[in-house]
Amino acid sequence: MSDRRPFLYQTHVELGARIVPFGGWEMPLQYGSGTVSEHLACRHDAVVFDVSHLGTVRCDGPNMFQALQGTLTNDLRKIGPGRAQYTHLLNDEGFVVDDIIVWWVGENEFDVMPNASNTSGVTSALPGVDVTSERCILAVQGPEARAKVAAVDQRFADVGRFRVTRFDYRGVEVRVAGTGYTGEAGLEIAVPNDAADALLRALVDAGITPAGLGARDTLRLEAALPLYGHELTLSSTTLEARLGWVLGWDKETFRGRRAVEEERERGPRRLLTGVLVDSRQPLRDGGQVMLDGASLGELTSGNFSPVLQRGIGMGLLAGEIEVGTPVSVSLRGREIPATVTPLPFVRKVK
């Protein structure tokens, strides 16, 4: 079965994108300026990503609050309509089925945003409808994101961090959340397909650099944001990823709660840990982190940091390892000197 093309595929080609397979989709990896340039544009200016491969499961109707509250890990009582929340969907054994952003759009209306490959699994767990094919999602990110998007429509710029709104934009309803996946300020815009090309071109005309999934990955790694299929999998847990704050212990239940309670009592067997290389050598997932000749575990993500100009990686490693501990990464027959370092590697937006 061939990969799906996003609705804006031809627009990306015209903008000079290099297209690659990703999560069952054909998506832009980078544009003419390249991944490092796009990465730095996000850190210092503003970029726009097409993240339409992510899912949207629309949960609209009575009892939707109760359905989501009893299934997902985080406590929706912490927020309310017009807000967004990061959460997890677990299986009964306490492992991560997906990590999700919930947009609480209206009193009984939620847009649940799963990862590309997990949309069907989330749809089967929740009483919602998959509307992924009906819209595009454009993520505008960077310290100048709001200033530049205001030139397109001030209402985009007015959406605060983790706030959600909807309004009429040139005859169509857009849904906008102050969320993203880069460690920078920004927003994500869900726009009906028919209006998506015009909106993307308007954003680019406003001086916002188009960026691909290559930069999105290096940005999220610098910010130590977990990626499903790497830090979060069906063999890893929320507590191992140091994301215990998304577990709603004060609510009655969520799927997998009993298993997670048992893990909390005994302590997680692994913990997400960062390593920083003493050179520009990029790290890669699968590299073994070694200490005194013994493996602590393997990297779940690794790359070159354009900001730090050094190789970085993070992995689920055995136990709590003190920051500053010298280690090495065994990668493709090489032993690369590294040091355990605090996460995130690069700290930007609060």
Protein backbone atom coordinates (compact mmCIF):
# COMPACT_ATOMS: atom_id res chain seq x y z
CA MET A 1 0.00 0.00 0.00
CA SER A 2 1.44 3.38 -1.03
CA ASP A 3 1.94 6.26 1.38
CA ARG A 4 -0.76 8.93 1.60
CA ARG A 5 -0.06 12.37 0.24
CA PRO A 6 -1.11 15.35 2.34
CA PHE A 7 -3.63 17.69 0.77
CA LEU A 8 -0.88 20.32 0.35
CA TYR A 9 1.54 17.94 -1.38
CA GLN A 10 1.69 19.91 -4.63
CA THR A 11 2.13 23.19 -2.75
CA HIS A 12 5.15 21.75 -0.94
CA VAL A 13 6.65 20.59 -4.23
CA GLU A 14 6.20 24.08 -5.67
CA LEU A 15 7.89 25.55 -2.57
CA GLY A 16 10.92 23.31 -3.21
CA ALA A 17 10.34 20.58 -0.63
CA ARG A 18 12.18 17.29 -0.60
CA ILE A 19 9.49 14.67 0.05
CA VAL A 20 10.10 11.48 2.07
CA PRO A 21 7.92 8.69 3.55
CA PHE A 22 6.93 9.29 7.17
CA GLY A 23 4.35 7.42 9.23
CA GLY A 24 2.49 6.22 6.14
CA TRP A 25 2.55 9.66 4.52
CA GLU A 26 4.70 11.45 1.95
CA MET A 27 5.84 14.54 3.84
CA PRO A 28 8.32 17.40 3.38
CA LEU A 29 11.68 16.58 4.97
CA GLN A 30 13.25 19.93 4.14
CA TYR A 31 13.11 22.79 1.68
CA GLY A 32 15.87 24.50 -0.28
CA SER A 33 17.63 26.10 2.66
CA GLY A 34 18.07 22.73 4.42
CA THR A 35 17.28 21.32 7.85
CA VAL A 36 19.88 23.25 9.87
CA SER A 37 18.81 26.57 8.38
CA GLU A 38 15.15 25.79 9.06
CA HIS A 39 15.99 24.71 12.61
CA LEU A 40 17.79 27.99 13.34
CA ALA A 41 14.99 29.98 11.70
CA CYS A 42 12.62 28.44 14.24
CA ARG A 43 14.91 29.21 17.15
CA HIS A 44 15.45 32.85 16.11
CA ASP A 45 12.55 33.86 13.86
CA ALA A 46 9.46 31.90 12.65
CA VAL A 47 8.73 28.82 10.55
CA VAL A 48 5.65 26.95 9.38
CA PHE A 49 5.32 23.15 9.33
CA ASP A 50 2.61 21.11 7.64
CA VAL A 51 1.67 18.54 10.28
CA SER A 52 -1.51 17.35 8.60
CA HIS A 53 -0.35 13.75 8.98
CA LEU A 54 -1.28 14.02 12.66
CA GLY A 55 -4.76 12.81 13.42
CA THR A 56 -7.91 14.60 14.51
CA VAL A 57 -10.58 12.57 16.30
CA ARG A 58 -13.59 14.81 16.86
CA CYS A 59 -15.52 13.97 20.02
CA ASP A 60 -18.70 16.03 19.88
CA GLY A 61 -21.79 15.43 21.97
CA PRO A 62 -23.08 14.76 25.50
CA ASN A 63 -20.97 12.67 27.88
CA MET A 64 -17.76 13.35 25.91
CA PHE A 65 -16.09 14.85 28.97
CA GLN A 66 -16.79 11.69 30.97
CA ALA A 67 -15.58 9.44 28.15
CA LEU A 68 -12.25 11.25 27.78
CA GLN A 69 -11.81 11.76 31.51
CA GLY A 70 -12.22 8.05 32.22
CA THR A 71 -9.88 6.93 29.44
CA LEU A 72 -7.00 9.38 29.06
CA THR A 73 -4.43 9.90 31.83
CA ASN A 74 -4.52 13.64 32.48
CA ASP A 75 -7.26 15.35 34.46
CA LEU A 76 -9.47 17.52 32.27
CA ARG A 77 -10.76 19.26 35.39
CA LYS A 78 -7.45 21.15 35.41
CA ILE A 79 -8.55 23.03 32.30
CA GLY A 80 -11.86 23.91 30.63
CA PRO A 81 -13.36 24.92 27.28
CA GLY A 82 -10.95 27.04 25.28
CA ARG A 83 -7.89 25.22 26.60
CA ALA A 84 -5.55 22.46 25.38
CA GLN A 85 -3.98 19.66 27.40
CA TYR A 86 -1.20 17.13 26.85
CA THR A 87 -2.17 13.59 27.88
CA HIS A 88 -1.50 9.87 27.33
CA LEU A 89 -3.57 6.90 26.26
CA LEU A 90 -2.35 3.73 27.98
CA ASN A 91 -3.21 0.08 27.59
CA ASP A 92 -4.31 -2.07 30.52
CA GLU A 93 -0.68 -3.01 31.22
CA GLY A 94 0.26 0.66 31.67
CA PHE A 95 2.28 1.04 28.47
CA VAL A 96 1.86 4.05 26.19
CA VAL A 97 -0.51 3.56 23.26
CA ASP A 98 -0.09 7.21 22.25
CA ASP A 99 0.64 10.69 23.50
CA ILE A 100 -2.04 13.17 22.59
CA ILE A 101 -3.03 16.82 22.67
CA VAL A 102 -6.68 17.44 23.51
CA TRP A 103 -8.22 20.68 22.20
CA TRP A 104 -11.29 21.47 24.31
CA VAL A 105 -13.12 23.47 21.66
CA GLY A 106 -16.61 23.86 23.16
CA GLU A 107 -18.57 22.69 26.18
CA ASN A 108 -19.14 19.19 24.79
CA GLU A 109 -16.70 19.28 21.88
CA PHE A 110 -13.13 18.05 21.86
CA ASP A 111 -10.57 17.57 19.10
CA VAL A 112 -8.27 14.73 20.15
CA MET A 113 -4.97 14.90 18.28
CA PRO A 114 -3.11 11.56 18.07
CA ASN A 115 0.10 10.71 16.24
CA ALA A 116 -0.07 9.82 12.56
CA SER A 117 0.18 6.06 12.91
CA ASN A 118 -2.13 5.83 15.93
CA THR A 119 -5.31 7.53 14.77
CA SER A 120 -7.28 4.30 14.29
CA GLY A 121 -6.25 3.04 17.73
CA VAL A 122 -7.38 6.25 19.38
CA THR A 123 -10.65 6.22 17.45
CA SER A 124 -11.35 2.71 18.72
CA ALA A 125 -10.72 3.81 22.33
CA LEU A 126 -12.89 6.94 22.23
CA PRO A 127 -16.41 7.72 20.95
CA GLY A 128 -15.20 10.07 18.23
CA VAL A 129 -15.08 10.48 14.46
CA ASP A 130 -11.85 10.60 12.45
CA VAL A 131 -11.89 13.91 10.54
CA THR A 132 -8.19 13.90 9.62
CA SER A 133 -8.87 13.88 5.87
CA GLU A 134 -11.06 16.98 6.05
CA ARG A 135 -8.47 19.50 7.27
CA CYS A 136 -4.84 20.53 7.17
CA ILE A 137 -2.84 21.55 10.24
CA LEU A 138 -0.19 24.24 9.91
CA ALA A 139 2.15 24.77 12.87
CA VAL A 140 3.68 28.25 13.08
CA GLN A 141 6.58 28.20 15.53
CA GLY A 142 9.35 30.50 16.73
CA PRO A 143 9.92 33.64 18.84
CA GLU A 144 8.57 35.83 16.03
CA ALA A 145 5.65 33.52 15.18
CA ARG A 146 2.89 35.65 16.64
CA ALA A 147 4.30 38.94 15.35
CA LYS A 148 4.49 37.58 11.82
CA VAL A 149 1.20 35.68 11.79
CA ALA A 150 -0.54 38.89 12.88
CA ALA A 151 0.12 40.22 9.38
CA VAL A 152 -2.15 37.44 8.08
CA ASP A 153 -4.84 37.84 10.74
CA GLN A 154 -4.44 39.35 14.20
CA ARG A 155 -6.77 36.74 15.67
CA PHE A 156 -4.17 34.03 15.05
CA ALA A 157 -1.63 36.02 17.07
CA ASP A 158 -4.07 36.55 19.93
CA VAL A 159 -4.31 32.84 20.79
CA GLY A 160 -2.34 32.32 24.01
CA ARG A 161 -0.20 29.39 25.05
CA PHE A 162 -2.32 26.22 25.40
CA ARG A 163 -5.45 28.23 24.57
CA VAL A 164 -7.92 27.12 21.90
CA THR A 165 -10.30 29.16 19.79
CA ARG A 166 -12.19 29.04 16.52
CA PHE A 167 -13.31 31.79 14.18
CA ASP A 168 -14.30 32.50 10.59
CA TYR A 169 -11.31 33.13 8.34
CA ARG A 170 -12.14 34.08 4.76
CA GLY A 171 -15.40 32.17 4.82
CA VAL A 172 -14.25 28.99 6.59
CA GLU A 173 -14.01 27.97 10.23
CA VAL A 174 -10.45 27.61 11.51
CA ARG A 175 -9.52 26.09 14.86
CA VAL A 176 -6.37 27.42 16.48
CA ALA A 177 -4.41 26.23 19.51
CA GLY A 178 -1.38 27.78 21.19
CA THR A 179 0.50 24.51 21.02
CA GLY A 180 3.53 23.09 19.19
CA TYR A 181 6.39 20.65 19.30
CA THR A 182 9.58 22.70 19.09
CA GLY A 183 10.19 24.25 22.49
CA GLU A 184 9.34 27.66 21.00
CA ALA A 185 6.30 29.89 21.16
CA GLY A 186 3.72 29.31 18.48
CA LEU A 187 0.37 27.98 17.40
CA GLU A 188 -1.25 25.24 15.36
CA ILE A 189 -4.02 26.04 12.87
CA ALA A 190 -6.57 23.48 11.70
CA VAL A 191 -7.94 24.77 8.40
CA PRO A 192 -10.37 23.10 5.97
CA ASN A 193 -8.58 21.64 2.97
CA ASP A 194 -10.06 24.05 0.45
CA ALA A 195 -8.57 27.06 2.25
CA ALA A 196 -5.24 25.49 3.24
CA ASP A 197 -3.19 26.39 0.15
CA ALA A 198 -4.11 30.07 0.38
CA LEU A 199 -3.34 30.16 4.11
CA LEU A 200 0.05 28.46 3.74
CA ARG A 201 1.04 30.85 0.96
CA ALA A 202 -0.13 33.83 3.04
CA LEU A 203 2.03 32.67 5.94
CA VAL A 204 5.07 32.31 3.68
CA ASP A 205 4.37 35.74 2.12
CA ALA A 206 4.36 37.15 5.67
CA GLY A 207 8.01 36.10 6.00
CA ILE A 208 7.48 32.78 7.78
CA THR A 209 9.95 30.15 6.55
CA PRO A 210 8.54 26.80 5.39
CA ALA A 211 10.19 23.97 7.35
CA GLY A 212 10.13 20.20 7.09
CA LEU A 213 10.06 17.23 9.42
CA GLY A 214 13.86 17.12 9.62
CA ALA A 215 13.96 20.40 11.54
CA ARG A 216 10.87 19.45 13.52
CA ASP A 217 12.72 16.39 14.81
CA THR A 218 15.94 18.20 15.74
CA LEU A 219 13.94 20.96 17.43
CA ARG A 220 11.88 18.56 19.53
CA LEU A 221 15.05 16.64 20.47
CA GLU A 222 16.83 19.78 21.68
CA ALA A 223 13.71 20.51 23.75
CA ALA A 224 13.66 16.86 25.01
CA LEU A 225 10.10 16.36 23.81
CA PRO A 226 9.26 12.65 23.50
CA LEU A 227 8.38 11.14 20.13
CA TYR A 228 6.00 8.23 19.87
CA GLY A 229 7.83 5.17 18.58
CA HIS A 230 11.03 6.34 20.27
CA GLU A 231 10.72 7.52 23.89
CA LEU A 232 7.09 6.40 24.13
CA THR A 233 6.12 2.92 22.94
CA LEU A 234 4.07 -0.13 23.84
CA SER A 235 7.06 -1.26 25.90
CA SER A 236 7.68 2.02 27.78
CA THR A 237 5.73 3.93 30.40
CA THR A 238 4.78 7.47 31.29
CA LEU A 239 6.85 7.35 34.47
CA GLU A 240 9.93 6.08 32.63
CA ALA A 241 9.66 9.12 30.34
CA ARG A 242 9.57 11.40 33.43
CA LEU A 243 6.08 12.55 32.47
CA GLY A 244 4.32 11.68 35.71
CA TRP A 245 2.63 15.07 35.70
CA VAL A 246 0.24 13.81 32.99
CA LEU A 247 -1.14 11.13 35.33
CA GLY A 248 -4.36 12.32 36.97
CA TRP A 249 -4.07 10.66 40.35
CA ASP A 250 -6.85 12.84 41.79
CA LYS A 251 -9.51 11.52 39.44
CA GLU A 252 -11.36 8.26 39.81
CA THR A 253 -9.76 6.27 37.02
CA PHE A 254 -8.04 6.17 33.65
CA ARG A 255 -7.10 3.25 31.45
CA GLY A 256 -4.04 1.45 32.80
CA ARG A 257 -4.22 3.12 36.21
CA ARG A 258 -3.76 -0.05 38.27
CA ALA A 259 -0.57 -1.01 36.41
CA VAL A 260 0.81 2.51 36.75
CA GLU A 261 0.03 2.57 40.48
CA GLU A 262 2.05 -0.63 40.88
CA GLU A 263 4.92 0.89 38.91
CA ARG A 264 4.82 4.01 41.05
CA GLU A 265 5.08 1.93 44.21
CA ARG A 266 8.11 -0.08 43.05
CA GLY A 267 9.69 2.71 41.00
CA PRO A 268 10.31 2.80 37.23
CA ARG A 269 13.05 0.45 36.05
CA ARG A 270 14.35 2.97 33.51
CA LEU A 271 14.39 6.77 33.25
CA LEU A 272 14.69 9.14 30.32
CA THR A 273 18.24 10.49 30.38
CA GLY A 274 20.17 12.88 28.16
CA VAL A 275 23.75 12.55 26.94
CA LEU A 276 25.89 15.24 25.35
CA VAL A 277 28.80 14.36 23.07
CA ASP A 278 32.16 16.10 23.40
CA SER A 279 32.27 16.69 19.62
CA ARG A 280 30.05 17.38 16.60
CA GLN A 281 29.46 13.64 16.09
CA PRO A 282 25.71 13.08 15.65
CA LEU A 283 24.15 10.37 17.78
CA ARG A 284 21.47 7.95 16.57
CA ASP A 285 18.75 5.89 18.20
CA GLY A 286 19.90 2.38 19.01
CA GLY A 287 23.34 3.44 20.26
CA GLN A 288 24.30 1.69 23.49
CA VAL A 289 25.14 3.98 26.43
CA MET A 290 28.07 2.43 28.28
CA LEU A 291 29.43 2.99 31.79
CA ASP A 292 32.42 1.03 33.10
CA GLY A 293 32.02 -1.54 30.34
CA ALA A 294 28.34 -2.22 31.04
CA SER A 295 25.35 -1.07 29.00
CA LEU A 296 22.92 1.25 30.74
CA GLY A 297 20.47 0.96 27.84
CA GLU A 298 20.13 2.36 24.34
CA LEU A 299 19.37 5.75 22.92
CA THR A 300 15.80 6.27 21.78
CA SER A 301 16.68 9.46 19.83
CA GLY A 302 19.86 11.13 18.71
CA ASN A 303 21.12 13.75 16.30
CA PHE A 304 23.31 16.84 15.90
CA SER A 305 22.21 19.95 17.79
CA PRO A 306 22.40 23.03 15.54
CA VAL A 307 22.23 25.29 18.61
CA LEU A 308 24.83 23.50 20.76
CA GLN A 309 26.95 22.40 17.77
CA ARG A 310 27.41 19.01 19.41
CA GLY A 311 25.88 15.57 19.23
CA ILE A 312 22.96 14.93 21.58
CA GLY A 313 20.84 11.93 22.46
CA MET A 314 18.37 10.66 25.00
CA GLY A 315 17.32 7.21 26.02
CA LEU A 316 15.56 5.12 28.63
CA LEU A 317 18.51 4.13 30.81
CA ALA A 318 18.70 1.95 33.90
CA GLY A 319 18.27 3.88 37.13
CA GLU A 320 18.98 7.48 38.07
CA ILE A 321 22.39 8.46 36.66
CA GLU A 322 24.02 11.56 38.12
CA VAL A 323 24.35 14.54 35.81
CA GLY A 324 27.98 14.99 34.79
CA THR A 325 28.77 11.25 34.76
CA PRO A 326 31.17 10.43 31.90
CA VAL A 327 29.78 7.70 29.63
CA SER A 328 30.33 6.52 26.08
CA VAL A 329 27.96 5.69 23.24
CA SER A 330 28.68 2.58 21.24
CA LEU A 331 27.51 3.33 17.71
CA ARG A 332 28.39 1.43 14.54
CA GLY A 333 31.56 0.01 16.01
CA ARG A 334 32.74 3.29 17.50
CA GLU A 335 32.95 4.38 21.13
CA ILE A 336 31.94 8.03 21.35
CA PRO A 337 32.77 9.92 24.59
CA ALA A 338 29.76 11.65 26.13
CA THR A 339 28.46 13.08 29.40
CA VAL A 340 25.11 12.69 31.16
CA THR A 341 23.42 16.09 30.91
CA PRO A 342 20.21 17.72 32.19
CA LEU A 343 17.13 17.81 29.98
CA PRO A 344 16.09 19.71 27.99
CA PHE A 345 19.29 20.30 26.03
CA VAL A 346 18.02 23.74 24.95
CA ARG A 347 15.50 25.64 27.08
CA LYS A 348 13.50 28.37 25.39
CA VAL A 349 9.79 29.09 25.98
CA LYS A 350 8.41 28.78 29.49
